[in-house]
Amino acid sequence: MKKYIWIAVLFWGWTLSSYADSPVGFGLKGGICISEQNYSANDFEPWNNFVGPTAGVFSDFHLLDFLSLQLEVNYAQKGSSGPIGSLSYSNFPGVTGIANYSATFDYLEIPLLVRFQIQLNKDWTGYFLAGPAVSFLLNETDSIALLNSPAFATTPLSRNDTVNYPSTDWQFYLGMGVEYRGFILEVRSGIGLTPETTYQDGISMENSSSSIQLGYRLF
């Protein structure tokens, strides 16, 4: 299904390019995603914030001078990392000990946002964003590096664990940005709306994230 989403994105951009004089805008964005995952199990605390890349395309539909709808398709890497106490890991049979653990989630994210814009002067526009986003999980990888084992510390164990996580995740985003002659600087923060449950001991996890992005409006 995900390959059809990418085909739709390419068709979307090609179609919009023929409407450069219309109230429809199109552009590119990219930056960093700073995520936090809250787990229900005390053994999985404290976690460090996870920093990963994010990039994608956006299209906004101008309804009024101050109001637009903005649809995006983004790649976003989220995750968590931190120490785990002395225990065994059911997803790594036979491995015990104190370890640093990391989980990396690759998502295809589709936000639908309401954009409130203010024309500051001829060249500068300020705006606020708010709205939901649905994310489709492309890949999830677990990695551990045992602190009491030099071999595992230098060569962490990794395992693809995608099938054990829900395929979709929902967040609600709030953000703000400025635009100067097509160049965009934007920050946003997302609140997790969907608790996810792994197969391991019924542990639940919820995503939340923030991002800092640069972009350019093609038209």
N, C-alpha and C. Protein backbone atom coordinates (compact mmCIF):
# COMPACT_ATOMS: atom_id res chain seq x y z
N MET A 1 0.82 -1.21 0.00
CA MET A 1 0.00 0.00 0.00
C MET A 1 0.86 1.26 0.00
N LYS A 2 2.01 1.19 0.70
CA LYS A 2 2.83 2.40 0.85
C LYS A 2 3.42 2.85 -0.48
N LYS A 3 3.73 1.89 -1.39
CA LYS A 3 4.27 2.30 -2.69
C LYS A 3 3.23 3.09 -3.48
N TYR A 4 1.95 2.78 -3.29
CA TYR A 4 0.90 3.53 -3.98
C TYR A 4 0.77 4.95 -3.42
N ILE A 5 1.08 5.11 -2.13
CA ILE A 5 1.07 6.45 -1.55
C ILE A 5 2.13 7.32 -2.21
N TRP A 6 3.35 6.74 -2.41
CA TRP A 6 4.42 7.52 -3.05
C TRP A 6 4.07 7.85 -4.50
N ILE A 7 3.45 6.92 -5.20
CA ILE A 7 3.01 7.20 -6.57
C ILE A 7 2.01 8.35 -6.58
N ALA A 8 1.08 8.33 -5.60
CA ALA A 8 0.08 9.40 -5.50
C ALA A 8 0.74 10.74 -5.22
N VAL A 9 1.79 10.74 -4.39
CA VAL A 9 2.51 11.98 -4.08
C VAL A 9 3.14 12.57 -5.34
N LEU A 10 3.80 11.73 -6.15
CA LEU A 10 4.42 12.21 -7.38
C LEU A 10 3.38 12.75 -8.35
N PHE A 11 2.26 12.05 -8.47
CA PHE A 11 1.18 12.52 -9.35
C PHE A 11 0.59 13.82 -8.83
N TRP A 12 0.46 13.91 -7.52
CA TRP A 12 -0.05 15.11 -6.86
C TRP A 12 0.80 16.32 -7.22
N GLY A 13 2.13 16.20 -7.04
CA GLY A 13 3.03 17.32 -7.34
C GLY A 13 3.02 17.68 -8.80
N TRP A 14 2.99 16.66 -9.70
CA TRP A 14 2.96 16.93 -11.13
C TRP A 14 1.68 17.65 -11.52
N THR A 15 0.56 17.22 -10.96
CA THR A 15 -0.73 17.85 -11.27
C THR A 15 -0.77 19.30 -10.80
N LEU A 16 -0.29 19.54 -9.59
CA LEU A 16 -0.33 20.89 -9.04
C LEU A 16 0.57 21.85 -9.82
N SER A 17 1.64 21.32 -10.42
CA SER A 17 2.57 22.18 -11.14
C SER A 17 1.90 22.89 -12.32
N SER A 18 0.79 22.35 -12.81
CA SER A 18 0.07 22.98 -13.92
C SER A 18 -0.88 24.08 -13.45
N TYR A 19 -0.91 24.32 -12.13
CA TYR A 19 -1.81 25.32 -11.57
C TYR A 19 -1.04 26.39 -10.81
N ALA A 20 0.08 26.82 -11.37
CA ALA A 20 0.95 27.76 -10.67
C ALA A 20 0.26 29.09 -10.39
N ASP A 21 -0.76 29.45 -11.17
CA ASP A 21 -1.45 30.72 -10.96
C ASP A 21 -2.70 30.55 -10.10
N SER A 22 -2.92 29.37 -9.59
CA SER A 22 -4.10 29.11 -8.78
C SER A 22 -3.79 29.35 -7.31
N PRO A 23 -4.82 29.30 -6.43
CA PRO A 23 -4.56 29.48 -5.00
C PRO A 23 -3.98 28.24 -4.32
N VAL A 24 -3.38 27.35 -5.11
CA VAL A 24 -2.79 26.13 -4.58
C VAL A 24 -1.27 26.30 -4.55
N GLY A 25 -0.65 26.05 -3.41
CA GLY A 25 0.80 26.15 -3.27
C GLY A 25 1.42 24.78 -3.11
N PHE A 26 2.71 24.67 -3.43
CA PHE A 26 3.41 23.39 -3.34
C PHE A 26 4.87 23.66 -3.01
N GLY A 27 5.47 22.82 -2.14
CA GLY A 27 6.86 23.02 -1.77
C GLY A 27 7.46 21.82 -1.06
N LEU A 28 8.69 22.01 -0.61
CA LEU A 28 9.48 20.96 0.04
C LEU A 28 9.91 21.42 1.42
N LYS A 29 10.06 20.46 2.35
CA LYS A 29 10.55 20.76 3.70
C LYS A 29 11.45 19.64 4.16
N GLY A 30 12.36 19.98 5.08
CA GLY A 30 13.22 18.96 5.68
C GLY A 30 13.87 19.51 6.93
N GLY A 31 14.24 18.61 7.84
CA GLY A 31 14.88 19.05 9.07
C GLY A 31 15.08 17.89 10.02
N ILE A 32 14.97 18.18 11.30
CA ILE A 32 15.16 17.15 12.32
C ILE A 32 13.88 16.96 13.13
N CYS A 33 13.67 15.72 13.56
CA CYS A 33 12.53 15.35 14.39
C CYS A 33 13.07 14.91 15.75
N ILE A 34 12.62 15.56 16.80
CA ILE A 34 13.04 15.24 18.17
C ILE A 34 11.88 14.55 18.85
N SER A 35 12.01 13.25 19.10
CA SER A 35 10.88 12.47 19.59
C SER A 35 11.11 11.96 21.00
N GLU A 36 10.00 11.67 21.66
CA GLU A 36 10.01 11.09 22.99
C GLU A 36 8.93 10.00 23.01
N GLN A 37 9.26 8.86 23.59
CA GLN A 37 8.32 7.76 23.69
C GLN A 37 8.10 7.42 25.16
N ASN A 38 6.85 7.46 25.58
CA ASN A 38 6.49 7.18 26.96
C ASN A 38 6.03 5.73 27.07
N TYR A 39 6.73 4.97 27.90
CA TYR A 39 6.43 3.56 28.09
C TYR A 39 5.72 3.34 29.42
N SER A 40 4.91 2.28 29.46
CA SER A 40 4.16 1.97 30.68
C SER A 40 4.99 1.23 31.71
N ALA A 41 6.13 0.65 31.32
CA ALA A 41 6.94 -0.15 32.23
C ALA A 41 8.05 0.68 32.85
N ASN A 42 8.23 0.59 34.16
CA ASN A 42 9.27 1.35 34.83
C ASN A 42 10.67 0.93 34.41
N ASP A 43 10.83 -0.32 33.97
CA ASP A 43 12.15 -0.80 33.53
C ASP A 43 12.65 -0.04 32.32
N PHE A 44 11.74 0.64 31.61
CA PHE A 44 12.11 1.33 30.39
C PHE A 44 12.28 2.84 30.61
N GLU A 45 12.65 3.24 31.81
CA GLU A 45 12.89 4.63 32.13
C GLU A 45 14.26 4.77 32.79
N PRO A 46 14.92 5.93 32.68
CA PRO A 46 14.51 7.08 31.86
C PRO A 46 15.00 6.93 30.43
N TRP A 47 14.27 7.52 29.49
CA TRP A 47 14.68 7.53 28.10
C TRP A 47 15.27 8.88 27.73
N ASN A 48 16.14 8.84 26.73
CA ASN A 48 16.68 10.08 26.16
C ASN A 48 15.84 10.48 24.95
N ASN A 49 15.78 11.77 24.67
CA ASN A 49 15.13 12.21 23.44
C ASN A 49 15.89 11.66 22.24
N PHE A 50 15.15 11.29 21.22
CA PHE A 50 15.73 10.69 20.02
C PHE A 50 15.68 11.71 18.89
N VAL A 51 16.78 11.93 18.20
CA VAL A 51 16.86 12.89 17.11
C VAL A 51 17.03 12.14 15.80
N GLY A 52 16.11 12.35 14.87
CA GLY A 52 16.17 11.70 13.56
C GLY A 52 15.80 12.68 12.46
N PRO A 53 15.98 12.30 11.22
CA PRO A 53 15.65 13.19 10.10
C PRO A 53 14.15 13.17 9.78
N THR A 54 13.70 14.23 9.14
CA THR A 54 12.36 14.29 8.58
C THR A 54 12.42 15.12 7.30
N ALA A 55 11.62 14.75 6.31
CA ALA A 55 11.60 15.47 5.03
C ALA A 55 10.34 15.09 4.28
N GLY A 56 9.88 16.01 3.43
CA GLY A 56 8.69 15.70 2.66
C GLY A 56 8.23 16.84 1.79
N VAL A 57 6.99 16.73 1.33
CA VAL A 57 6.39 17.74 0.46
C VAL A 57 5.11 18.24 1.11
N PHE A 58 4.71 19.46 0.75
CA PHE A 58 3.48 20.03 1.26
C PHE A 58 2.73 20.74 0.15
N SER A 59 1.43 20.83 0.34
CA SER A 59 0.59 21.61 -0.56
C SER A 59 -0.44 22.35 0.29
N ASP A 60 -0.59 23.64 0.04
CA ASP A 60 -1.60 24.39 0.79
C ASP A 60 -2.64 24.97 -0.17
N PHE A 61 -3.87 24.96 0.32
CA PHE A 61 -5.03 25.40 -0.45
C PHE A 61 -5.58 26.65 0.22
N HIS A 62 -5.41 27.80 -0.41
CA HIS A 62 -5.77 29.08 0.19
C HIS A 62 -7.28 29.28 0.11
N LEU A 63 -7.92 29.30 1.27
CA LEU A 63 -9.36 29.51 1.35
C LEU A 63 -9.70 30.98 1.49
N LEU A 64 -8.93 31.68 2.35
CA LEU A 64 -9.07 33.11 2.58
C LEU A 64 -7.67 33.71 2.68
N ASP A 65 -7.59 35.04 2.76
CA ASP A 65 -6.29 35.69 2.86
C ASP A 65 -5.52 35.21 4.09
N PHE A 66 -6.25 34.88 5.15
CA PHE A 66 -5.59 34.51 6.40
C PHE A 66 -5.70 33.02 6.72
N LEU A 67 -6.34 32.22 5.84
CA LEU A 67 -6.65 30.84 6.18
C LEU A 67 -6.36 29.90 5.02
N SER A 68 -5.64 28.81 5.32
CA SER A 68 -5.35 27.78 4.33
C SER A 68 -5.48 26.40 4.96
N LEU A 69 -5.66 25.41 4.11
CA LEU A 69 -5.53 24.01 4.51
C LEU A 69 -4.22 23.48 3.93
N GLN A 70 -3.42 22.81 4.76
CA GLN A 70 -2.12 22.32 4.33
C GLN A 70 -2.06 20.80 4.47
N LEU A 71 -1.81 20.14 3.36
CA LEU A 71 -1.66 18.69 3.32
C LEU A 71 -0.20 18.36 3.07
N GLU A 72 0.34 17.40 3.83
CA GLU A 72 1.75 17.05 3.72
C GLU A 72 1.90 15.54 3.59
N VAL A 73 3.02 15.12 3.02
CA VAL A 73 3.47 13.73 3.06
C VAL A 73 4.94 13.76 3.44
N ASN A 74 5.28 13.19 4.58
CA ASN A 74 6.63 13.29 5.13
C ASN A 74 7.18 11.92 5.51
N TYR A 75 8.51 11.81 5.42
CA TYR A 75 9.22 10.74 6.09
C TYR A 75 9.68 11.29 7.43
N ALA A 76 9.48 10.53 8.51
CA ALA A 76 9.92 10.97 9.84
C ALA A 76 10.49 9.77 10.59
N GLN A 77 11.67 9.96 11.15
CA GLN A 77 12.29 8.92 11.97
C GLN A 77 12.14 9.30 13.44
N LYS A 78 11.50 8.41 14.19
CA LYS A 78 11.28 8.64 15.61
C LYS A 78 11.87 7.47 16.39
N GLY A 79 11.92 7.61 17.72
CA GLY A 79 12.47 6.51 18.50
C GLY A 79 12.75 6.88 19.92
N SER A 80 13.54 6.05 20.58
CA SER A 80 13.92 6.27 21.97
C SER A 80 15.21 5.50 22.24
N SER A 81 15.91 5.92 23.28
CA SER A 81 17.13 5.22 23.67
C SER A 81 17.41 5.51 25.13
N GLY A 82 18.10 4.59 25.77
CA GLY A 82 18.44 4.79 27.16
C GLY A 82 18.87 3.50 27.81
N PRO A 83 19.29 3.57 29.07
CA PRO A 83 19.75 2.37 29.78
C PRO A 83 18.60 1.51 30.26
N ILE A 84 18.84 0.21 30.31
CA ILE A 84 17.90 -0.74 30.89
C ILE A 84 18.65 -1.51 31.97
N GLY A 85 17.97 -1.78 33.06
CA GLY A 85 18.59 -2.49 34.17
C GLY A 85 18.90 -3.93 33.85
N SER A 86 19.43 -4.64 34.82
CA SER A 86 19.84 -6.02 34.64
C SER A 86 18.61 -6.91 34.49
N LEU A 87 18.34 -7.34 33.27
CA LEU A 87 17.20 -8.21 32.99
C LEU A 87 17.45 -8.96 31.70
N SER A 88 16.58 -9.87 31.37
CA SER A 88 16.68 -10.59 30.10
C SER A 88 15.75 -9.94 29.09
N TYR A 89 16.03 -10.13 27.81
CA TYR A 89 15.28 -9.48 26.74
C TYR A 89 14.61 -10.56 25.90
N SER A 90 13.29 -10.60 25.92
CA SER A 90 12.59 -11.66 25.21
C SER A 90 12.76 -11.55 23.70
N ASN A 91 13.03 -10.35 23.19
CA ASN A 91 13.27 -10.23 21.75
C ASN A 91 14.72 -10.50 21.37
N PHE A 92 15.60 -10.72 22.38
CA PHE A 92 16.97 -11.16 22.15
C PHE A 92 17.23 -12.37 23.06
N PRO A 93 16.79 -13.55 22.68
CA PRO A 93 16.89 -14.73 23.55
C PRO A 93 18.31 -15.00 24.01
N GLY A 94 18.46 -15.29 25.29
CA GLY A 94 19.75 -15.63 25.86
C GLY A 94 20.62 -14.46 26.24
N VAL A 95 20.13 -13.22 26.01
CA VAL A 95 20.91 -12.03 26.33
C VAL A 95 20.45 -11.47 27.67
N THR A 96 21.37 -11.30 28.61
CA THR A 96 21.07 -10.70 29.90
C THR A 96 22.14 -9.67 30.23
N GLY A 97 21.81 -8.75 31.14
CA GLY A 97 22.79 -7.79 31.59
C GLY A 97 22.30 -6.36 31.48
N ILE A 98 23.12 -5.44 31.98
CA ILE A 98 22.81 -4.01 31.90
C ILE A 98 23.17 -3.52 30.50
N ALA A 99 22.26 -2.80 29.86
CA ALA A 99 22.47 -2.46 28.46
C ALA A 99 21.94 -1.06 28.14
N ASN A 100 22.46 -0.52 27.06
CA ASN A 100 21.85 0.64 26.40
C ASN A 100 20.95 0.11 25.29
N TYR A 101 19.73 0.58 25.30
CA TYR A 101 18.72 0.09 24.36
C TYR A 101 18.28 1.24 23.47
N SER A 102 18.03 0.96 22.18
CA SER A 102 17.47 1.98 21.29
C SER A 102 16.43 1.33 20.39
N ALA A 103 15.38 2.07 20.09
CA ALA A 103 14.33 1.64 19.17
C ALA A 103 14.15 2.73 18.12
N THR A 104 14.27 2.36 16.87
CA THR A 104 14.17 3.32 15.76
C THR A 104 12.94 3.00 14.91
N PHE A 105 12.07 3.99 14.76
CA PHE A 105 10.82 3.83 14.00
C PHE A 105 10.87 4.75 12.77
N ASP A 106 10.69 4.17 11.59
CA ASP A 106 10.60 4.94 10.35
C ASP A 106 9.14 5.02 9.94
N TYR A 107 8.64 6.25 9.81
CA TYR A 107 7.22 6.48 9.51
C TYR A 107 7.04 7.24 8.20
N LEU A 108 5.96 6.93 7.50
CA LEU A 108 5.43 7.79 6.44
C LEU A 108 4.25 8.52 7.07
N GLU A 109 4.39 9.83 7.19
CA GLU A 109 3.44 10.64 7.97
C GLU A 109 2.64 11.56 7.05
N ILE A 110 1.32 11.62 7.28
CA ILE A 110 0.44 12.47 6.47
C ILE A 110 -0.34 13.40 7.39
N PRO A 111 0.13 14.64 7.59
CA PRO A 111 -0.63 15.62 8.38
C PRO A 111 -1.62 16.39 7.50
N LEU A 112 -2.76 16.74 8.08
CA LEU A 112 -3.72 17.65 7.48
C LEU A 112 -3.90 18.79 8.47
N LEU A 113 -3.40 19.97 8.12
CA LEU A 113 -3.28 21.07 9.06
C LEU A 113 -4.06 22.30 8.61
N VAL A 114 -4.59 23.02 9.56
CA VAL A 114 -5.18 24.34 9.31
C VAL A 114 -4.08 25.36 9.52
N ARG A 115 -3.90 26.24 8.55
CA ARG A 115 -2.83 27.25 8.61
C ARG A 115 -3.45 28.65 8.68
N PHE A 116 -3.10 29.39 9.75
CA PHE A 116 -3.51 30.78 9.91
C PHE A 116 -2.30 31.67 9.61
N GLN A 117 -2.38 32.47 8.55
CA GLN A 117 -1.23 33.26 8.14
C GLN A 117 -1.49 34.76 8.31
N ILE A 118 -0.41 35.47 8.59
CA ILE A 118 -0.45 36.92 8.77
C ILE A 118 0.62 37.52 7.87
N GLN A 119 0.23 38.44 6.98
CA GLN A 119 1.19 39.11 6.12
C GLN A 119 1.86 40.22 6.92
N LEU A 120 3.14 40.01 7.29
CA LEU A 120 3.85 40.96 8.13
C LEU A 120 4.29 42.19 7.33
N ASN A 121 4.77 41.98 6.13
CA ASN A 121 5.07 43.06 5.19
C ASN A 121 5.12 42.46 3.79
N LYS A 122 5.71 43.14 2.84
CA LYS A 122 5.70 42.68 1.46
C LYS A 122 6.35 41.31 1.30
N ASP A 123 7.43 41.05 2.04
CA ASP A 123 8.20 39.83 1.86
C ASP A 123 7.99 38.77 2.94
N TRP A 124 7.55 39.20 4.12
CA TRP A 124 7.49 38.28 5.26
C TRP A 124 6.05 37.89 5.58
N THR A 125 5.85 36.58 5.83
CA THR A 125 4.57 36.05 6.29
C THR A 125 4.80 35.20 7.53
N GLY A 126 4.01 35.42 8.56
CA GLY A 126 4.03 34.56 9.73
C GLY A 126 2.79 33.67 9.73
N TYR A 127 2.91 32.50 10.35
CA TYR A 127 1.74 31.61 10.34
C TYR A 127 1.76 30.66 11.54
N PHE A 128 0.57 30.14 11.84
CA PHE A 128 0.37 29.12 12.87
C PHE A 128 -0.29 27.91 12.22
N LEU A 129 0.03 26.72 12.73
CA LEU A 129 -0.50 25.47 12.20
C LEU A 129 -1.15 24.65 13.31
N ALA A 130 -2.20 23.92 12.98
CA ALA A 130 -2.81 23.01 13.93
C ALA A 130 -3.58 21.94 13.17
N GLY A 131 -3.48 20.69 13.63
CA GLY A 131 -4.24 19.64 13.00
C GLY A 131 -3.68 18.25 13.27
N PRO A 132 -4.40 17.21 12.85
CA PRO A 132 -4.00 15.82 13.10
C PRO A 132 -3.05 15.30 12.03
N ALA A 133 -2.38 14.20 12.37
CA ALA A 133 -1.52 13.51 11.41
C ALA A 133 -1.62 12.01 11.66
N VAL A 134 -1.70 11.26 10.59
CA VAL A 134 -1.66 9.80 10.68
C VAL A 134 -0.32 9.34 10.11
N SER A 135 0.33 8.40 10.80
CA SER A 135 1.62 7.88 10.38
C SER A 135 1.53 6.39 10.13
N PHE A 136 2.18 5.95 9.05
CA PHE A 136 2.23 4.53 8.70
C PHE A 136 3.64 4.02 8.98
N LEU A 137 3.75 2.97 9.77
CA LEU A 137 5.05 2.44 10.15
C LEU A 137 5.69 1.70 8.98
N LEU A 138 6.86 2.17 8.55
CA LEU A 138 7.60 1.52 7.48
C LEU A 138 8.55 0.46 8.01
N ASN A 139 9.21 0.78 9.15
CA ASN A 139 10.21 -0.12 9.69
C ASN A 139 10.49 0.23 11.14
N GLU A 140 10.75 -0.80 11.96
CA GLU A 140 11.16 -0.59 13.35
C GLU A 140 12.32 -1.53 13.67
N THR A 141 13.37 -0.98 14.27
CA THR A 141 14.56 -1.77 14.61
C THR A 141 14.91 -1.56 16.07
N ASP A 142 15.07 -2.67 16.80
CA ASP A 142 15.56 -2.65 18.17
C ASP A 142 17.06 -2.93 18.18
N SER A 143 17.80 -2.23 19.02
CA SER A 143 19.23 -2.47 19.18
C SER A 143 19.60 -2.41 20.65
N ILE A 144 20.51 -3.29 21.09
CA ILE A 144 21.02 -3.22 22.45
C ILE A 144 22.54 -3.37 22.43
N ALA A 145 23.20 -2.65 23.33
CA ALA A 145 24.64 -2.77 23.53
C ALA A 145 24.88 -3.04 25.00
N LEU A 146 25.35 -4.23 25.34
CA LEU A 146 25.56 -4.61 26.73
C LEU A 146 26.76 -3.86 27.30
N LEU A 147 26.55 -3.18 28.42
CA LEU A 147 27.62 -2.39 29.02
C LEU A 147 28.69 -3.26 29.67
N ASN A 148 28.32 -4.46 30.09
CA ASN A 148 29.29 -5.35 30.73
C ASN A 148 29.87 -6.37 29.75
N SER A 149 29.72 -6.11 28.46
CA SER A 149 30.28 -6.99 27.45
C SER A 149 30.93 -6.15 26.36
N PRO A 150 32.27 -6.07 26.35
CA PRO A 150 32.95 -5.24 25.33
C PRO A 150 32.56 -5.62 23.90
N ALA A 151 32.32 -6.92 23.67
CA ALA A 151 31.96 -7.33 22.30
C ALA A 151 30.63 -6.74 21.87
N PHE A 152 29.61 -6.80 22.76
CA PHE A 152 28.30 -6.26 22.42
C PHE A 152 28.30 -4.73 22.45
N ALA A 153 29.18 -4.14 23.26
CA ALA A 153 29.23 -2.67 23.32
C ALA A 153 29.73 -2.08 22.02
N THR A 154 30.68 -2.78 21.37
CA THR A 154 31.22 -2.27 20.11
C THR A 154 30.41 -2.75 18.90
N THR A 155 29.73 -3.88 19.05
CA THR A 155 28.89 -4.40 17.98
C THR A 155 27.51 -4.69 18.54
N PRO A 156 26.63 -3.68 18.60
CA PRO A 156 25.30 -3.88 19.19
C PRO A 156 24.50 -4.94 18.45
N LEU A 157 23.64 -5.64 19.20
CA LEU A 157 22.71 -6.57 18.60
C LEU A 157 21.51 -5.79 18.05
N SER A 158 21.08 -6.15 16.86
CA SER A 158 19.94 -5.47 16.25
C SER A 158 18.93 -6.49 15.77
N ARG A 159 17.66 -6.07 15.78
CA ARG A 159 16.61 -6.96 15.30
C ARG A 159 15.48 -6.11 14.72
N ASN A 160 15.00 -6.51 13.55
CA ASN A 160 13.84 -5.87 12.95
C ASN A 160 12.59 -6.37 13.66
N ASP A 161 11.85 -5.45 14.27
CA ASP A 161 10.70 -5.82 15.09
C ASP A 161 9.41 -5.18 14.57
N THR A 162 9.38 -4.86 13.27
CA THR A 162 8.27 -4.09 12.71
C THR A 162 6.92 -4.76 12.91
N VAL A 163 6.88 -6.08 12.73
CA VAL A 163 5.59 -6.79 12.76
C VAL A 163 4.94 -6.76 14.14
N ASN A 164 5.69 -6.41 15.16
CA ASN A 164 5.15 -6.43 16.52
C ASN A 164 4.65 -5.07 16.99
N TYR A 165 4.57 -4.10 16.07
CA TYR A 165 4.05 -2.79 16.41
C TYR A 165 2.87 -2.45 15.50
N PRO A 166 1.91 -1.68 15.98
CA PRO A 166 0.79 -1.26 15.13
C PRO A 166 1.28 -0.53 13.89
N SER A 167 0.57 -0.70 12.80
CA SER A 167 1.00 -0.13 11.52
C SER A 167 0.66 1.35 11.40
N THR A 168 -0.19 1.90 12.28
CA THR A 168 -0.55 3.32 12.21
C THR A 168 -0.40 3.99 13.57
N ASP A 169 -0.17 5.28 13.53
CA ASP A 169 -0.02 6.08 14.75
C ASP A 169 -0.62 7.45 14.48
N TRP A 170 -1.29 8.02 15.49
CA TRP A 170 -1.93 9.34 15.33
C TRP A 170 -1.29 10.34 16.28
N GLN A 171 -1.11 11.56 15.77
CA GLN A 171 -0.64 12.67 16.60
C GLN A 171 -1.46 13.93 16.26
N PHE A 172 -1.43 14.90 17.17
CA PHE A 172 -2.03 16.21 16.91
C PHE A 172 -0.91 17.24 16.99
N TYR A 173 -0.77 18.06 15.92
CA TYR A 173 0.34 19.00 15.82
C TYR A 173 -0.10 20.44 16.04
N LEU A 174 0.76 21.18 16.71
CA LEU A 174 0.69 22.63 16.81
C LEU A 174 2.04 23.18 16.37
N GLY A 175 2.02 24.25 15.57
CA GLY A 175 3.29 24.78 15.09
C GLY A 175 3.18 26.22 14.67
N MET A 176 4.33 26.78 14.34
CA MET A 176 4.39 28.16 13.87
C MET A 176 5.61 28.30 12.97
N GLY A 177 5.59 29.31 12.11
CA GLY A 177 6.72 29.51 11.21
C GLY A 177 6.69 30.88 10.56
N VAL A 178 7.73 31.14 9.81
CA VAL A 178 7.83 32.37 9.02
C VAL A 178 8.25 32.00 7.61
N GLU A 179 7.82 32.80 6.66
CA GLU A 179 8.16 32.58 5.26
C GLU A 179 8.67 33.88 4.65
N TYR A 180 9.81 33.80 3.96
CA TYR A 180 10.42 34.96 3.33
C TYR A 180 10.73 34.63 1.87
N ARG A 181 9.98 35.21 0.97
CA ARG A 181 10.17 35.02 -0.47
C ARG A 181 10.28 33.54 -0.82
N GLY A 182 9.43 32.72 -0.23
CA GLY A 182 9.40 31.31 -0.53
C GLY A 182 10.21 30.43 0.40
N PHE A 183 11.16 31.03 1.13
CA PHE A 183 11.96 30.26 2.09
C PHE A 183 11.22 30.19 3.42
N ILE A 184 11.24 29.00 4.03
CA ILE A 184 10.41 28.73 5.20
C ILE A 184 11.26 28.23 6.36
N LEU A 185 10.97 28.74 7.55
CA LEU A 185 11.51 28.22 8.80
C LEU A 185 10.33 27.90 9.70
N GLU A 186 10.28 26.66 10.21
CA GLU A 186 9.09 26.21 10.94
C GLU A 186 9.47 25.33 12.12
N VAL A 187 8.73 25.48 13.21
CA VAL A 187 8.84 24.57 14.36
C VAL A 187 7.44 24.07 14.69
N ARG A 188 7.36 22.81 15.13
CA ARG A 188 6.07 22.26 15.51
C ARG A 188 6.26 21.20 16.59
N SER A 189 5.17 20.94 17.30
CA SER A 189 5.19 19.94 18.37
C SER A 189 3.96 19.06 18.23
N GLY A 190 4.15 17.75 18.41
CA GLY A 190 3.06 16.79 18.26
C GLY A 190 2.77 16.04 19.54
N ILE A 191 1.50 15.88 19.83
CA ILE A 191 1.06 15.13 21.01
C ILE A 191 0.53 13.79 20.54
N GLY A 192 1.03 12.70 21.14
CA GLY A 192 0.59 11.37 20.76
C GLY A 192 -0.85 11.11 21.14
N LEU A 193 -1.61 10.50 20.22
CA LEU A 193 -3.01 10.19 20.46
C LEU A 193 -3.29 8.69 20.50
N THR A 194 -2.32 7.87 20.09
CA THR A 194 -2.55 6.43 19.97
C THR A 194 -1.53 5.66 20.79
N PRO A 195 -1.91 5.07 21.92
CA PRO A 195 -0.99 4.18 22.63
C PRO A 195 -0.73 2.94 21.78
N GLU A 196 0.52 2.54 21.69
CA GLU A 196 0.89 1.35 20.93
C GLU A 196 1.32 0.26 21.91
N THR A 197 1.04 -0.97 21.58
CA THR A 197 1.37 -2.09 22.47
C THR A 197 2.30 -3.07 21.75
N THR A 198 3.42 -3.40 22.36
CA THR A 198 4.33 -4.39 21.80
C THR A 198 3.92 -5.76 22.28
N TYR A 199 4.52 -6.78 21.68
CA TYR A 199 4.26 -8.15 22.11
C TYR A 199 4.95 -8.44 23.42
N GLN A 200 5.95 -7.63 23.80
CA GLN A 200 6.81 -7.95 24.93
C GLN A 200 6.16 -7.52 26.25
N ASP A 201 5.61 -8.51 27.00
CA ASP A 201 5.05 -8.26 28.32
C ASP A 201 3.90 -7.26 28.30
N GLY A 202 3.26 -7.04 27.16
CA GLY A 202 2.13 -6.14 27.08
C GLY A 202 2.48 -4.70 27.37
N ILE A 203 3.71 -4.28 27.11
CA ILE A 203 4.15 -2.92 27.39
C ILE A 203 3.54 -1.96 26.37
N SER A 204 2.96 -0.86 26.84
CA SER A 204 2.38 0.13 25.94
C SER A 204 3.32 1.32 25.79
N MET A 205 3.26 1.95 24.62
CA MET A 205 4.16 3.06 24.29
C MET A 205 3.38 4.12 23.52
N GLU A 206 3.69 5.40 23.77
CA GLU A 206 3.03 6.50 23.08
C GLU A 206 4.07 7.46 22.53
N ASN A 207 3.90 7.84 21.25
CA ASN A 207 4.82 8.77 20.59
C ASN A 207 4.45 10.22 20.85
N SER A 208 5.44 11.07 21.05
CA SER A 208 5.27 12.51 20.96
C SER A 208 6.54 13.06 20.32
N SER A 209 6.45 14.18 19.62
CA SER A 209 7.62 14.66 18.88
C SER A 209 7.54 16.15 18.61
N SER A 210 8.69 16.73 18.34
CA SER A 210 8.82 18.11 17.89
C SER A 210 9.75 18.11 16.68
N SER A 211 9.64 19.13 15.86
CA SER A 211 10.53 19.21 14.70
C SER A 211 10.90 20.65 14.40
N ILE A 212 12.06 20.78 13.80
CA ILE A 212 12.56 22.06 13.27
C ILE A 212 12.86 21.83 11.80
N GLN A 213 12.22 22.61 10.93
CA GLN A 213 12.34 22.35 9.50
C GLN A 213 12.61 23.61 8.70
N LEU A 214 13.36 23.43 7.62
CA LEU A 214 13.55 24.45 6.60
C LEU A 214 12.83 23.99 5.34
N GLY A 215 12.32 24.94 4.58
CA GLY A 215 11.61 24.56 3.37
C GLY A 215 11.68 25.63 2.31
N TYR A 216 11.16 25.26 1.15
CA TYR A 216 11.08 26.22 0.05
C TYR A 216 9.78 25.99 -0.72
N ARG A 217 9.07 27.06 -0.95
CA ARG A 217 7.82 27.02 -1.72
C ARG A 217 8.15 27.14 -3.20
N LEU A 218 7.83 26.10 -3.96
CA LEU A 218 8.09 26.12 -5.41
C LEU A 218 7.11 27.03 -6.13
N PHE A 219 5.88 27.05 -5.67
CA PHE A 219 4.88 28.03 -6.15
C PHE A 219 3.76 28.15 -5.15
